[in-house]
Every structure is written in C-alpha cells, then in structure tokens.
C-alpha cells in the first residue's frame, strides 16, 4: 500500500505558496496603483451601495470563519462537513438583497439620461 502523506504535505505546501504569491501580487498591484479599489462598493453614480458592502463583509467574515475552523481543529485541519444551512441562508439573503437592489435600481429611469421623446 502506498503512503501518500509526503505527497499530501507537498501539495499543501504548493497550494499555500501559490495562494501567498497570488495574494502578494494583488496587494503589490493595489499598492502600486494599478488596481483601483475606490469604487468597489459604489454605484455608477458614485453613491455608496449598502447592499454591496453587506455582501462584501458577509463573504469575508464567513470565509475567514471557515478558514479558522478548518485550520484550528483539535484533530488537525478539517473542513466542516456539511456546511451549516444557516451560513448558506445568510449568504443567500445577502446576495438576494444585492440582486433586489440592482433590480430596483434598473427599474427606475436613470437620472443622468434625458427621457426619450416620442
């Protein structure tokens, strides 16, 4: 029988190194001014979007929580199986509130464009 422990550790090291390199590259691009984050939570009018901010924060909080749960288990790293339904419900509510706000926004006429003449 083959022992895959060394292969498992090596693959984890490669994945962590790739993720760290990707994160460093993105942070470097942000710091250098090549990636602009000033409009991440704003609409095209420049106003802030509460639903975008909510979706962004919920996504980060839940992903960080799952990361900490996965890494800090008593029996070693393990992802929670199954994912709790409450977490999926929270993400669904957040995403649907964003979609509803976009639907409401696009159902109204754009205040920056003049009305069509008939």
Protein backbone atom coordinates (compact mmCIF):
# COMPACT_ATOMS: atom_id res chain seq x y z
CA UNK A 1 0.00 0.00 0.00
CA UNK A 2 1.30 3.43 -0.93
CA UNK A 3 1.88 6.15 1.64
CA UNK A 4 0.60 9.46 0.31
CA UNK A 5 1.49 11.51 3.40
CA UNK A 6 4.55 13.12 1.77
CA UNK A 7 2.61 13.87 -1.42
CA UNK A 8 -0.21 15.39 0.61
CA UNK A 9 2.15 17.66 2.52
CA UNK A 10 3.96 18.68 -0.68
CA UNK A 11 0.69 19.51 -2.44
CA UNK A 12 -0.46 21.59 0.53
CA UNK A 13 2.83 23.50 0.54
CA UNK A 14 2.49 24.19 -3.19
CA UNK A 15 -1.10 25.39 -2.79
CA UNK A 16 -0.23 27.66 0.15
CA UNK A 17 2.82 29.05 -1.69
CA UNK A 18 0.76 29.73 -4.83
CA UNK A 19 -2.00 31.42 -2.80
CA UNK A 20 0.53 33.54 -0.92
CA UNK A 21 2.23 34.56 -4.17
CA UNK A 22 -1.11 35.46 -5.72
CA UNK A 23 -2.12 37.49 -2.64
CA UNK A 24 1.25 39.27 -2.60
CA UNK A 25 0.95 40.09 -6.30
CA UNK A 26 -2.54 41.52 -5.87
CA UNK A 27 -1.52 43.57 -2.83
CA UNK A 28 1.53 44.85 -4.73
CA UNK A 29 -0.67 45.89 -7.67
CA UNK A 30 -3.03 47.69 -5.28
CA UNK A 31 -0.13 49.46 -3.57
CA UNK A 32 1.39 50.46 -6.92
CA UNK A 33 -1.93 51.99 -8.01
CA UNK A 34 -2.60 49.57 -10.88
CA UNK A 35 -5.69 48.14 -9.16
CA UNK A 36 -8.19 50.79 -8.04
CA UNK A 37 -10.47 49.77 -5.16
CA UNK A 38 -12.07 53.15 -4.65
CA UNK A 39 -15.26 52.11 -6.45
CA UNK A 40 -15.70 48.59 -5.03
CA UNK A 41 -18.83 49.45 -3.10
CA UNK A 42 -20.09 52.39 -5.16
CA UNK A 43 -22.69 52.56 -7.87
CA UNK A 44 -22.07 54.19 -11.24
CA UNK A 45 -23.49 57.44 -9.85
CA UNK A 46 -20.73 57.44 -7.20
CA UNK A 47 -23.08 56.77 -4.28
CA UNK A 48 -22.15 54.02 -1.83
CA UNK A 49 -24.17 50.82 -2.03
CA UNK A 50 -25.15 49.33 1.32
CA UNK A 51 -26.09 46.00 -0.28
CA UNK A 52 -22.64 45.69 -1.92
CA UNK A 53 -20.93 46.48 1.37
CA UNK A 54 -23.11 43.93 3.18
CA UNK A 55 -22.33 41.21 0.63
CA UNK A 56 -18.62 42.01 0.77
CA UNK A 57 -18.46 41.94 4.57
CA UNK A 58 -20.56 38.77 4.93
CA UNK A 59 -18.43 36.98 2.35
CA UNK A 60 -15.18 37.94 4.07
CA UNK A 61 -16.46 37.12 7.57
CA UNK A 62 -17.81 33.72 6.57
CA UNK A 63 -14.73 32.76 4.54
CA UNK A 64 -12.41 33.82 7.38
CA UNK A 65 -14.54 31.86 9.85
CA UNK A 66 -14.38 28.72 7.73
CA UNK A 67 -10.63 29.18 7.34
CA UNK A 68 -10.14 29.47 11.11
CA UNK A 69 -12.42 26.48 11.77
CA UNK A 70 -10.57 24.42 9.15
CA UNK A 71 -7.10 25.24 10.44
CA UNK A 72 -7.80 25.28 14.17
CA UNK A 73 -9.48 21.91 14.63
CA UNK A 74 -8.47 19.66 17.53
CA UNK A 75 -7.92 16.71 15.22
CA UNK A 76 -5.95 18.69 12.66
CA UNK A 77 -7.15 20.66 9.66
CA UNK A 78 -10.66 19.64 8.59
CA UNK A 79 -13.37 21.50 6.69
CA UNK A 80 -16.80 21.41 8.34
CA UNK A 81 -18.92 18.77 6.66
CA UNK A 82 -21.72 19.55 5.97
CA UNK A 83 -21.73 23.32 5.74
CA UNK A 84 -24.39 24.59 8.16
CA UNK A 85 -27.64 25.60 6.49
CA UNK A 86 -27.71 28.84 8.49
CA UNK A 87 -24.49 30.01 6.85
CA UNK A 88 -25.81 29.30 3.38
CA UNK A 89 -29.06 31.06 4.28
CA UNK A 90 -27.15 34.13 5.48
CA UNK A 91 -25.13 34.29 2.27
CA UNK A 92 -28.29 33.76 0.22
CA UNK A 93 -30.10 36.59 1.98
CA UNK A 94 -27.13 38.90 1.48
CA UNK A 95 -26.78 38.03 -2.21
CA UNK A 96 -30.51 38.30 -2.85
CA UNK A 97 -30.67 41.73 -1.19
CA UNK A 98 -27.94 42.85 -3.58
CA UNK A 99 -29.86 41.45 -6.56
CA UNK A 100 -33.12 43.06 -5.43
CA UNK A 101 -31.39 46.43 -5.02
CA UNK A 102 -29.98 46.12 -8.55
CA UNK A 103 -33.43 45.22 -9.86
CA UNK A 104 -34.96 48.25 -8.17
CA UNK A 105 -32.15 50.44 -9.47
CA UNK A 106 -32.62 49.31 -13.07
CA UNK A 107 -36.41 49.53 -12.93
CA UNK A 108 -36.17 53.28 -12.32
CA UNK A 109 -35.17 55.61 -15.15
CA UNK A 110 -31.56 56.74 -14.98
CA UNK A 111 -31.50 60.33 -13.63
CA UNK A 112 -28.45 61.14 -15.75
CA UNK A 113 -30.08 60.38 -19.11
CA UNK A 114 -32.82 62.60 -20.51
CA UNK A 115 -36.21 60.97 -21.19
CA UNK A 116 -36.91 59.72 -24.72
CA UNK A 117 -39.04 61.96 -26.90
CA UNK A 118 -41.96 60.34 -28.67
